[in-house]
Structures are given as C-alpha cells and as structure tokens.
Amino acid sequence: VWVPRRRMFEYRHWPDLEGKQGSTLIDNSFGERFD
C-alpha cells in the first residue's frame, strides 16, 4: 500500500483499507485471497 508521506494512515492488515479509496492497474491481481 503506497501512500503520500504527508497523508500516511495506520495500516496493519487488509481491513484497515476499508472505507478508503484506492487505485491500481486495470485487471491487476495480487493473489487469490487478497483479490
């Protein structure tokens, strides 16, 4: 998870990303469990 240095947030595991807006390449995969 890449974040701007001036807007870092606490991240320990996947649920910490809920409620936030992310972005990546179209049709990118990061493993079955995370997908």
PDB file of all heavy atoms in Angstrom:
ATOM      1  N   VAL A   1       0.868  -1.175   0.000  1.00  0.00           N
ATOM      2  CA  VAL A   1       0.000   0.000   0.000  1.00  0.00           C
ATOM      3  C   VAL A   1       0.906   1.226   0.000  1.00  0.00           C
ATOM      4  O   VAL A   1       1.656   1.464   0.947  1.00  0.00           O
ATOM      5  CB  VAL A   1      -0.910   0.018   1.243  1.00  0.00           C
ATOM      6  CG1 VAL A   1      -1.726   1.313   1.290  1.00  0.00           C
ATOM      7  CG2 VAL A   1      -1.827  -1.199   1.261  1.00  0.00           C
ATOM      8  N   TRP A   2       0.852   1.996  -1.099  1.00  0.00           N
ATOM      9  CA  TRP A   2       1.652   3.211  -1.218  1.00  0.00           C
ATOM     10  C   TRP A   2       0.783   4.416  -0.850  1.00  0.00           C
ATOM     11  O   TRP A   2      -0.334   4.550  -1.360  1.00  0.00           O
ATOM     12  CB  TRP A   2       2.162   3.379  -2.643  1.00  0.00           C
ATOM     13  CG  TRP A   2       3.177   2.368  -3.074  1.00  0.00           C
ATOM     14  CD1 TRP A   2       2.943   1.146  -3.632  1.00  0.00           C
ATOM     15  CD2 TRP A   2       4.600   2.496  -2.986  1.00  0.00           C
ATOM     16  NE1 TRP A   2       4.128   0.505  -3.913  1.00  0.00           N
ATOM     17  CE2 TRP A   2       5.158   1.307  -3.520  1.00  0.00           C
ATOM     18  CE3 TRP A   2       5.451   3.504  -2.522  1.00  0.00           C
ATOM     19  CZ2 TRP A   2       6.532   1.107  -3.596  1.00  0.00           C
ATOM     20  CZ3 TRP A   2       6.821   3.295  -2.586  1.00  0.00           C
ATOM     21  CH2 TRP A   2       7.355   2.113  -3.117  1.00  0.00           C
ATOM     22  N   VAL A   3       1.298   5.285   0.006  1.00  0.00           N
ATOM     23  CA  VAL A   3       0.545   6.472   0.421  1.00  0.00           C
ATOM     24  C   VAL A   3       1.446   7.699   0.364  1.00  0.00           C
ATOM     25  O   VAL A   3       2.667   7.589   0.539  1.00  0.00           O
ATOM     26  CB  VAL A   3      -0.008   6.316   1.853  1.00  0.00           C
ATOM     27  CG1 VAL A   3      -1.004   5.167   1.917  1.00  0.00           C
ATOM     28  CG2 VAL A   3       1.117   6.111   2.859  1.00  0.00           C
ATOM     29  N   PRO A   4       0.859   8.889   0.122  1.00  0.00           N
ATOM     30  CA  PRO A   4       1.651  10.112   0.209  1.00  0.00           C
ATOM     31  C   PRO A   4       2.222  10.268   1.624  1.00  0.00           C
ATOM     32  O   PRO A   4       1.518  10.037   2.612  1.00  0.00           O
ATOM     33  CB  PRO A   4       0.634  11.217  -0.098  1.00  0.00           C
ATOM     34  CG  PRO A   4      -0.444  10.528  -0.872  1.00  0.00           C
ATOM     35  CD  PRO A   4      -0.522   9.146  -0.300  1.00  0.00           C
ATOM     36  N   ARG A   5       3.469  10.653   1.711  1.00  0.00           N
ATOM     37  CA  ARG A   5       4.128  10.762   3.008  1.00  0.00           C
ATOM     38  C   ARG A   5       3.379  11.714   3.944  1.00  0.00           C
ATOM     39  O   ARG A   5       3.309  11.490   5.150  1.00  0.00           O
ATOM     40  CB  ARG A   5       5.576  11.249   2.807  1.00  0.00           C
ATOM     41  CG  ARG A   5       6.432  11.225   4.063  1.00  0.00           C
ATOM     42  CD  ARG A   5       7.854  11.660   3.749  1.00  0.00           C
ATOM     43  NE  ARG A   5       8.508  10.755   2.816  1.00  0.00           N
ATOM     44  CZ  ARG A   5       9.155   9.656   3.183  1.00  0.00           C
ATOM     45  NH1 ARG A   5       9.223   9.309   4.462  1.00  0.00           N
ATOM     46  NH2 ARG A   5       9.737   8.894   2.280  1.00  0.00           N
ATOM     47  N   ARG A   6       2.804  12.763   3.370  1.00  0.00           N
ATOM     48  CA  ARG A   6       2.125  13.758   4.221  1.00  0.00           C
ATOM     49  C   ARG A   6       0.710  13.331   4.619  1.00  0.00           C
ATOM     50  O   ARG A   6       0.069  14.019   5.418  1.00  0.00           O
ATOM     51  CB  ARG A   6       2.066  15.105   3.502  1.00  0.00           C
ATOM     52  CG  ARG A   6       1.290  15.112   2.202  1.00  0.00           C
ATOM     53  CD  ARG A   6       1.364  16.459   1.499  1.00  0.00           C
ATOM     54  NE  ARG A   6       0.617  16.487   0.253  1.00  0.00           N
ATOM     55  CZ  ARG A   6       1.100  16.057  -0.907  1.00  0.00           C
ATOM     56  NH1 ARG A   6       2.323  15.541  -0.976  1.00  0.00           N
ATOM     57  NH2 ARG A   6       0.359  16.135  -2.008  1.00  0.00           N
ATOM     58  N   ARG A   7       0.230  12.183   4.068  1.00  0.00           N
ATOM     59  CA  ARG A   7      -1.108  11.721   4.436  1.00  0.00           C
ATOM     60  C   ARG A   7      -1.079  10.229   4.792  1.00  0.00           C
ATOM     61  O   ARG A   7      -1.944   9.456   4.387  1.00  0.00           O
ATOM     62  CB  ARG A   7      -2.100  11.968   3.295  1.00  0.00           C
ATOM     63  CG  ARG A   7      -2.474  13.436   3.113  1.00  0.00           C
ATOM     64  CD  ARG A   7      -3.731  13.588   2.257  1.00  0.00           C
ATOM     65  NE  ARG A   7      -3.556  12.975   0.954  1.00  0.00           N
ATOM     66  CZ  ARG A   7      -2.979  13.577  -0.080  1.00  0.00           C
ATOM     67  NH1 ARG A   7      -2.527  14.813   0.049  1.00  0.00           N
ATOM     68  NH2 ARG A   7      -2.859  12.975  -1.245  1.00  0.00           N
ATOM     69  N   MET A   8      -0.081   9.839   5.568  1.00  0.00           N
ATOM     70  CA  MET A   8       0.023   8.446   5.989  1.00  0.00           C
ATOM     71  C   MET A   8      -1.107   8.100   6.957  1.00  0.00           C
ATOM     72  O   MET A   8      -1.612   8.956   7.669  1.00  0.00           O
ATOM     73  CB  MET A   8       1.385   8.211   6.667  1.00  0.00           C
ATOM     74  CG  MET A   8       2.562   8.332   5.724  1.00  0.00           C
ATOM     75  SD  MET A   8       4.163   8.155   6.575  1.00  0.00           S
ATOM     76  CE  MET A   8       4.023   6.485   7.230  1.00  0.00           C
ATOM     77  N   PHE A   9      -1.508   6.835   6.943  1.00  0.00           N
ATOM     78  CA  PHE A   9      -2.507   6.368   7.893  1.00  0.00           C
ATOM     79  C   PHE A   9      -2.053   5.022   8.462  1.00  0.00           C
ATOM     80  O   PHE A   9      -1.154   4.371   7.920  1.00  0.00           O
ATOM     81  CB  PHE A   9      -3.894   6.246   7.242  1.00  0.00           C
ATOM     82  CG  PHE A   9      -3.942   5.386   6.008  1.00  0.00           C
ATOM     83  CD1 PHE A   9      -4.021   3.996   6.093  1.00  0.00           C
ATOM     84  CD2 PHE A   9      -3.928   5.972   4.736  1.00  0.00           C
ATOM     85  CE1 PHE A   9      -4.071   3.198   4.960  1.00  0.00           C
ATOM     86  CE2 PHE A   9      -3.985   5.177   3.589  1.00  0.00           C
ATOM     87  CZ  PHE A   9      -4.061   3.794   3.703  1.00  0.00           C
ATOM     88  N   GLU A  10      -2.660   4.615   9.558  1.00  0.00           N
ATOM     89  CA  GLU A  10      -2.271   3.372  10.201  1.00  0.00           C
ATOM     90  C   GLU A  10      -2.748   2.185   9.372  1.00  0.00           C
ATOM     91  O   GLU A  10      -3.916   2.103   8.991  1.00  0.00           O
ATOM     92  CB  GLU A  10      -2.875   3.282  11.608  1.00  0.00           C
ATOM     93  CG  GLU A  10      -2.407   2.056  12.382  1.00  0.00           C
ATOM     94  CD  GLU A  10      -2.928   2.021  13.800  1.00  0.00           C
ATOM     95  OE1 GLU A  10      -3.753   2.891  14.146  1.00  0.00           O
ATOM     96  OE2 GLU A  10      -2.512   1.122  14.553  1.00  0.00           O
ATOM     97  N   TYR A  11      -1.833   1.289   9.099  1.00  0.00           N
ATOM     98  CA  TYR A  11      -2.168   0.097   8.326  1.00  0.00           C
ATOM     99  C   TYR A  11      -1.472  -1.109   8.953  1.00  0.00           C
ATOM    100  O   TYR A  11      -0.253  -1.112   9.125  1.00  0.00           O
ATOM    101  CB  TYR A  11      -1.721   0.239   6.867  1.00  0.00           C
ATOM    102  CG  TYR A  11      -1.790  -1.061   6.108  1.00  0.00           C
ATOM    103  CD1 TYR A  11      -3.012  -1.559   5.668  1.00  0.00           C
ATOM    104  CD2 TYR A  11      -0.645  -1.819   5.875  1.00  0.00           C
ATOM    105  CE1 TYR A  11      -3.085  -2.782   5.011  1.00  0.00           C
ATOM    106  CE2 TYR A  11      -0.709  -3.032   5.210  1.00  0.00           C
ATOM    107  CZ  TYR A  11      -1.933  -3.513   4.786  1.00  0.00           C
ATOM    108  OH  TYR A  11      -2.005  -4.724   4.144  1.00  0.00           O
ATOM    109  N   ARG A  12      -2.267  -2.104   9.310  1.00  0.00           N
ATOM    110  CA  ARG A  12      -1.721  -3.341   9.863  1.00  0.00           C
ATOM    111  C   ARG A  12      -2.140  -4.556   9.040  1.00  0.00           C
ATOM    112  O   ARG A  12      -1.395  -5.520   8.936  1.00  0.00           O
ATOM    113  CB  ARG A  12      -2.187  -3.520  11.317  1.00  0.00           C
ATOM    114  CG  ARG A  12      -1.642  -2.471  12.294  1.00  0.00           C
ATOM    115  CD  ARG A  12      -2.456  -2.457  13.558  1.00  0.00           C
ATOM    116  NE  ARG A  12      -3.846  -2.081  13.270  1.00  0.00           N
ATOM    117  CZ  ARG A  12      -4.812  -2.014  14.194  1.00  0.00           C
ATOM    118  NH1 ARG A  12      -4.545  -2.332  15.444  1.00  0.00           N
ATOM    119  NH2 ARG A  12      -6.033  -1.653  13.844  1.00  0.00           N
ATOM    120  N   HIS A  13      -3.363  -4.497   8.488  1.00  0.00           N
ATOM    121  CA  HIS A  13      -3.861  -5.608   7.687  1.00  0.00           C
ATOM    122  C   HIS A  13      -4.971  -5.082   6.781  1.00  0.00           C
ATOM    123  O   HIS A  13      -5.404  -3.934   6.885  1.00  0.00           O
ATOM    124  CB  HIS A  13      -4.360  -6.742   8.587  1.00  0.00           C
ATOM    125  CG  HIS A  13      -4.469  -8.055   7.868  1.00  0.00           C
ATOM    126  ND1 HIS A  13      -3.554  -8.470   6.928  1.00  0.00           N
ATOM    127  CD2 HIS A  13      -5.384  -9.060   7.948  1.00  0.00           C
ATOM    128  CE1 HIS A  13      -3.889  -9.661   6.466  1.00  0.00           C
ATOM    129  NE2 HIS A  13      -5.000 -10.049   7.061  1.00  0.00           N
ATOM    130  N   TRP A  14      -5.445  -5.932   5.902  1.00  0.00           N
ATOM    131  CA  TRP A  14      -6.385  -5.534   4.857  1.00  0.00           C
ATOM    132  C   TRP A  14      -7.597  -4.741   5.364  1.00  0.00           C
ATOM    133  O   TRP A  14      -7.979  -3.756   4.706  1.00  0.00           O
ATOM    134  CB  TRP A  14      -6.866  -6.764   4.101  1.00  0.00           C
ATOM    135  CG  TRP A  14      -5.776  -7.598   3.511  1.00  0.00           C
ATOM    136  CD1 TRP A  14      -4.483  -7.217   3.252  1.00  0.00           C
ATOM    137  CD2 TRP A  14      -5.881  -8.963   3.104  1.00  0.00           C
ATOM    138  NE1 TRP A  14      -3.776  -8.265   2.715  1.00  0.00           N
ATOM    139  CE2 TRP A  14      -4.604  -9.357   2.600  1.00  0.00           C
ATOM    140  CE3 TRP A  14      -6.916  -9.890   3.104  1.00  0.00           C
ATOM    141  CZ2 TRP A  14      -4.354 -10.628   2.110  1.00  0.00           C
ATOM    142  CZ3 TRP A  14      -6.681 -11.169   2.613  1.00  0.00           C
ATOM    143  CH2 TRP A  14      -5.412 -11.538   2.123  1.00  0.00           C
ATOM    144  N   PRO A  15      -8.224  -5.113   6.473  1.00  0.00           N
ATOM    145  CA  PRO A  15      -9.420  -4.362   6.906  1.00  0.00           C
ATOM    146  C   PRO A  15      -9.160  -2.881   7.167  1.00  0.00           C
ATOM    147  O   PRO A  15     -10.102  -2.073   7.132  1.00  0.00           O
ATOM    148  CB  PRO A  15      -9.850  -5.083   8.198  1.00  0.00           C
ATOM    149  CG  PRO A  15      -9.358  -6.485   8.002  1.00  0.00           C
ATOM    150  CD  PRO A  15      -8.036  -6.335   7.302  1.00  0.00           C
ATOM    151  N   ASP A  16      -7.903  -2.500   7.395  1.00  0.00           N
ATOM    152  CA  ASP A  16      -7.596  -1.082   7.609  1.00  0.00           C
ATOM    153  C   ASP A  16      -7.804  -0.254   6.345  1.00  0.00           C
ATOM    154  O   ASP A  16      -7.809   0.987   6.402  1.00  0.00           O
ATOM    155  CB  ASP A  16      -6.153  -0.919   8.098  1.00  0.00           C
ATOM    156  CG  ASP A  16      -5.941  -1.510   9.476  1.00  0.00           C
ATOM    157  OD1 ASP A  16      -6.882  -1.442  10.296  1.00  0.00           O
ATOM    158  OD2 ASP A  16      -4.847  -2.042   9.733  1.00  0.00           O
ATOM    159  N   LEU A  17      -7.979  -0.914   5.204  1.00  0.00           N
ATOM    160  CA  LEU A  17      -8.201  -0.200   3.937  1.00  0.00           C
ATOM    161  C   LEU A  17      -9.684   0.041   3.666  1.00  0.00           C
ATOM    162  O   LEU A  17     -10.027   0.783   2.738  1.00  0.00           O
ATOM    163  CB  LEU A  17      -7.599  -0.997   2.775  1.00  0.00           C
ATOM    164  CG  LEU A  17      -6.089  -1.283   2.849  1.00  0.00           C
ATOM    165  CD1 LEU A  17      -5.663  -2.162   1.671  1.00  0.00           C
ATOM    166  CD2 LEU A  17      -5.290   0.015   2.864  1.00  0.00           C
ATOM    167  N   GLU A  18     -10.548  -0.574   4.450  1.00  0.00           N
ATOM    168  CA  GLU A  18     -11.985  -0.383   4.250  1.00  0.00           C
ATOM    169  C   GLU A  18     -12.371   1.070   4.495  1.00  0.00           C
ATOM    170  O   GLU A  18     -11.872   1.720   5.414  1.00  0.00           O
ATOM    171  CB  GLU A  18     -12.776  -1.303   5.179  1.00  0.00           C
ATOM    172  CG  GLU A  18     -12.613  -2.783   4.845  1.00  0.00           C
ATOM    173  CD  GLU A  18     -13.540  -3.668   5.661  1.00  0.00           C
ATOM    174  OE1 GLU A  18     -14.762  -3.414   5.646  1.00  0.00           O
ATOM    175  OE2 GLU A  18     -13.044  -4.610   6.316  1.00  0.00           O
ATOM    176  N   GLY A  19     -13.265   1.575   3.625  1.00  0.00           N
ATOM    177  CA  GLY A  19     -13.708   2.958   3.746  1.00  0.00           C
ATOM    178  C   GLY A  19     -12.773   3.946   3.084  1.00  0.00           C
ATOM    179  O   GLY A  19     -13.055   5.156   3.070  1.00  0.00           O
ATOM    180  N   LYS A  20     -11.676   3.478   2.512  1.00  0.00           N
ATOM    181  CA  LYS A  20     -10.724   4.345   1.816  1.00  0.00           C
ATOM    182  C   LYS A  20     -10.768   4.053   0.316  1.00  0.00           C
ATOM    183  O   LYS A  20     -11.154   2.965  -0.102  1.00  0.00           O
ATOM    184  CB  LYS A  20      -9.306   4.143   2.359  1.00  0.00           C
ATOM    185  CG  LYS A  20      -9.173   4.441   3.854  1.00  0.00           C
ATOM    186  CD  LYS A  20      -7.737   4.294   4.307  1.00  0.00           C
ATOM    187  CE  LYS A  20      -7.608   4.480   5.822  1.00  0.00           C
ATOM    188  NZ  LYS A  20      -8.071   5.820   6.241  1.00  0.00           N
ATOM    189  N   GLN A  21     -10.360   5.024  -0.471  1.00  0.00           N
ATOM    190  CA  GLN A  21     -10.345   4.880  -1.927  1.00  0.00           C
ATOM    191  C   GLN A  21      -8.940   4.538  -2.395  1.00  0.00           C
ATOM    192  O   GLN A  21      -7.981   5.275  -2.126  1.00  0.00           O
ATOM    193  CB  GLN A  21     -10.795   6.174  -2.591  1.00  0.00           C
ATOM    194  CG  GLN A  21     -10.687   6.187  -4.113  1.00  0.00           C
ATOM    195  CD  GLN A  21     -11.738   5.334  -4.797  1.00  0.00           C
ATOM    196  OE1 GLN A  21     -12.920   5.633  -4.715  1.00  0.00           O
ATOM    197  NE2 GLN A  21     -11.313   4.270  -5.476  1.00  0.00           N
ATOM    198  N   GLY A  22      -8.804   3.410  -3.080  1.00  0.00           N
ATOM    199  CA  GLY A  22      -7.513   3.013  -3.624  1.00  0.00           C
ATOM    200  C   GLY A  22      -7.511   3.009  -5.136  1.00  0.00           C
ATOM    201  O   GLY A  22      -8.541   3.238  -5.782  1.00  0.00           O
ATOM    202  N   SER A  23      -6.342   2.720  -5.720  1.00  0.00           N
ATOM    203  CA  SER A  23      -6.233   2.647  -7.177  1.00  0.00           C
ATOM    204  C   SER A  23      -5.084   1.725  -7.554  1.00  0.00           C
ATOM    205  O   SER A  23      -4.090   1.610  -6.833  1.00  0.00           O
ATOM    206  CB  SER A  23      -5.997   4.039  -7.774  1.00  0.00           C
ATOM    207  OG  SER A  23      -5.888   3.967  -9.191  1.00  0.00           O
ATOM    208  N   THR A  24      -5.236   1.050  -8.689  1.00  0.00           N
ATOM    209  CA  THR A  24      -4.182   0.222  -9.251  1.00  0.00           C
ATOM    210  C   THR A  24      -4.477   0.029 -10.739  1.00  0.00           C
ATOM    211  O   THR A  24      -5.452   0.582 -11.266  1.00  0.00           O
ATOM    212  CB  THR A  24      -4.084  -1.131  -8.526  1.00  0.00           C
ATOM    213  OG1 THR A  24      -2.870  -1.786  -8.923  1.00  0.00           O
ATOM    214  CG2 THR A  24      -5.272  -2.031  -8.834  1.00  0.00           C
ATOM    215  N   LEU A  25      -3.664  -0.764 -11.413  1.00  0.00           N
ATOM    216  CA  LEU A  25      -3.870  -1.006 -12.836  1.00  0.00           C
ATOM    217  C   LEU A  25      -5.114  -1.860 -13.076  1.00  0.00           C
ATOM    218  O   LEU A  25      -5.446  -2.734 -12.269  1.00  0.00           O
ATOM    219  CB  LEU A  25      -2.654  -1.717 -13.434  1.00  0.00           C
ATOM    220  CG  LEU A  25      -1.345  -0.919 -13.489  1.00  0.00           C
ATOM    221  CD1 LEU A  25      -0.216  -1.815 -13.956  1.00  0.00           C
ATOM    222  CD2 LEU A  25      -1.480   0.282 -14.413  1.00  0.00           C
ATOM    223  N   ILE A  26      -5.779  -1.614 -14.191  1.00  0.00           N
ATOM    224  CA  ILE A  26      -6.941  -2.409 -14.575  1.00  0.00           C
ATOM    225  C   ILE A  26      -6.547  -3.881 -14.672  1.00  0.00           C
ATOM    226  O   ILE A  26      -5.512  -4.239 -15.241  1.00  0.00           O
ATOM    227  CB  ILE A  26      -7.500  -1.929 -15.930  1.00  0.00           C
ATOM    228  CG1 ILE A  26      -8.002  -0.496 -15.830  1.00  0.00           C
ATOM    229  CG2 ILE A  26      -8.630  -2.838 -16.410  1.00  0.00           C
ATOM    230  CD1 ILE A  26      -8.381   0.098 -17.176  1.00  0.00           C
ATOM    231  N   ASP A  27      -7.384  -4.752 -14.100  1.00  0.00           N
ATOM    232  CA  ASP A  27      -7.200  -6.204 -14.142  1.00  0.00           C
ATOM    233  C   ASP A  27      -5.930  -6.681 -13.444  1.00  0.00           C
ATOM    234  O   ASP A  27      -5.444  -7.786 -13.707  1.00  0.00           O
ATOM    235  CB  ASP A  27      -7.207  -6.728 -15.585  1.00  0.00           C
ATOM    236  CG  ASP A  27      -8.605  -6.757 -16.181  1.00  0.00           C
ATOM    237  OD1 ASP A  27      -9.564  -6.481 -15.446  1.00  0.00           O
ATOM    238  OD2 ASP A  27      -8.722  -7.072 -17.381  1.00  0.00           O
ATOM    239  N   ASN A  28      -5.379  -5.863 -12.542  1.00  0.00           N
ATOM    240  CA  ASN A  28      -4.238  -6.326 -11.759  1.00  0.00           C
ATOM    241  C   ASN A  28      -4.705  -7.324 -10.710  1.00  0.00           C
ATOM    242  O   ASN A  28      -5.812  -7.207 -10.180  1.00  0.00           O
ATOM    243  CB  ASN A  28      -3.538  -5.149 -11.068  1.00  0.00           C
ATOM    244  CG  ASN A  28      -2.055  -5.107 -11.368  1.00  0.00           C
ATOM    245  OD1 ASN A  28      -1.544  -5.888 -12.157  1.00  0.00           O
ATOM    246  ND2 ASN A  28      -1.342  -4.188 -10.746  1.00  0.00           N
ATOM    247  N   SER A  29      -3.856  -8.292 -10.411  1.00  0.00           N
ATOM    248  CA  SER A  29      -4.162  -9.291  -9.388  1.00  0.00           C
ATOM    249  C   SER A  29      -3.047  -9.305  -8.365  1.00  0.00           C
ATOM    250  O   SER A  29      -1.868  -9.129  -8.700  1.00  0.00           O
ATOM    251  CB  SER A  29      -4.297 -10.677 -10.019  1.00  0.00           C
ATOM    252  OG  SER A  29      -4.358 -11.674  -9.032  1.00  0.00           O
ATOM    253  N   PHE A  30      -3.410  -9.538  -7.105  1.00  0.00           N
ATOM    254  CA  PHE A  30      -2.415  -9.577  -6.039  1.00  0.00           C
ATOM    255  C   PHE A  30      -2.561 -10.839  -5.193  1.00  0.00           C
ATOM    256  O   PHE A  30      -2.291 -10.838  -3.995  1.00  0.00           O
ATOM    257  CB  PHE A  30      -2.526  -8.324  -5.169  1.00  0.00           C
ATOM    258  CG  PHE A  30      -2.393  -7.047  -5.951  1.00  0.00           C
ATOM    259  CD1 PHE A  30      -3.466  -6.190  -6.107  1.00  0.00           C
ATOM    260  CD2 PHE A  30      -1.205  -6.725  -6.581  1.00  0.00           C
ATOM    261  CE1 PHE A  30      -3.349  -5.026  -6.843  1.00  0.00           C
ATOM    262  CE2 PHE A  30      -1.070  -5.566  -7.317  1.00  0.00           C
ATOM    263  CZ  PHE A  30      -2.145  -4.708  -7.456  1.00  0.00           C
ATOM    264  N   GLY A  31      -3.008 -11.907  -5.815  1.00  0.00           N
ATOM    265  CA  GLY A  31      -3.203 -13.165  -5.112  1.00  0.00           C
ATOM    266  C   GLY A  31      -4.681 -13.410  -4.852  1.00  0.00           C
ATOM    267  O   GLY A  31      -5.459 -12.486  -4.633  1.00  0.00           O
ATOM    268  N   GLU A  32      -5.083 -14.675  -4.888  1.00  0.00           N
ATOM    269  CA  GLU A  32      -6.498 -15.043  -4.780  1.00  0.00           C
ATOM    270  C   GLU A  32      -7.140 -14.529  -3.496  1.00  0.00           C
ATOM    271  O   GLU A  32      -8.256 -14.020  -3.509  1.00  0.00           O
ATOM    272  CB  GLU A  32      -6.635 -16.573  -4.843  1.00  0.00           C
ATOM    273  CG  GLU A  32      -6.394 -17.161  -6.214  1.00  0.00           C
ATOM    274  CD  GLU A  32      -7.500 -16.818  -7.206  1.00  0.00           C
ATOM    275  OE1 GLU A  32      -8.663 -16.668  -6.789  1.00  0.00           O
ATOM    276  OE2 GLU A  32      -7.195 -16.713  -8.401  1.00  0.00           O
ATOM    277  N   ARG A  33      -6.450 -14.659  -2.368  1.00  0.00           N
ATOM    278  CA  ARG A  33      -7.056 -14.275  -1.097  1.00  0.00           C
ATOM    279  C   ARG A  33      -7.296 -12.774  -1.039  1.00  0.00           C
ATOM    280  O   ARG A  33      -8.382 -12.319  -0.663  1.00  0.00           O
ATOM    281  CB  ARG A  33      -6.173 -14.716   0.078  1.00  0.00           C
ATOM    282  CG  ARG A  33      -6.129 -16.222   0.287  1.00  0.00           C
ATOM    283  CD  ARG A  33      -5.242 -16.616   1.464  1.00  0.00           C
ATOM    284  NE  ARG A  33      -5.706 -16.019   2.708  1.00  0.00           N
ATOM    285  CZ  ARG A  33      -4.995 -15.174   3.449  1.00  0.00           C
ATOM    286  NH1 ARG A  33      -3.779 -14.805   3.065  1.00  0.00           N
ATOM    287  NH2 ARG A  33      -5.483 -14.698   4.569  1.00  0.00           N
ATOM    288  N   PHE A  34      -6.288 -11.987  -1.416  1.00  0.00           N
ATOM    289  CA  PHE A  34      -6.485 -10.539  -1.369  1.00  0.00           C
ATOM    290  C   PHE A  34      -7.502 -10.094  -2.410  1.00  0.00           C
ATOM    291  O   PHE A  34      -8.340  -9.221  -2.133  1.00  0.00           O
ATOM    292  CB  PHE A  34      -5.171  -9.785  -1.577  1.00  0.00           C
ATOM    293  CG  PHE A  34      -5.350  -8.287  -1.520  1.00  0.00           C
ATOM    294  CD1 PHE A  34      -5.432  -7.635  -0.305  1.00  0.00           C
ATOM    295  CD2 PHE A  34      -5.476  -7.538  -2.684  1.00  0.00           C
ATOM    296  CE1 PHE A  34      -5.632  -6.257  -0.246  1.00  0.00           C
ATOM    297  CE2 PHE A  34      -5.668  -6.172  -2.634  1.00  0.00           C
ATOM    298  CZ  PHE A  34      -5.751  -5.531  -1.411  1.00  0.00           C
ATOM    299  N   ASP A  35      -7.447 -10.660  -3.612  1.00  0.00           N
ATOM    300  CA  ASP A  35      -8.404 -10.278  -4.656  1.00  0.00           C
ATOM    301  C   ASP A  35      -9.831 -10.518  -4.189  1.00  0.00           C
ATOM    302  O   ASP A  35     -10.732  -9.706  -4.436  1.00  0.00           O
ATOM    303  CB  ASP A  35      -8.138 -11.071  -5.934  1.00  0.00           C
ATOM    304  CG  ASP A  35      -6.860 -10.658  -6.649  1.00  0.00           C
ATOM    305  OD1 ASP A  35      -6.268  -9.630  -6.261  1.00  0.00           O
ATOM    306  OD2 ASP A  35      -6.443 -11.372  -7.578  1.00  0.00           O
TER     307      ASP A  35
END
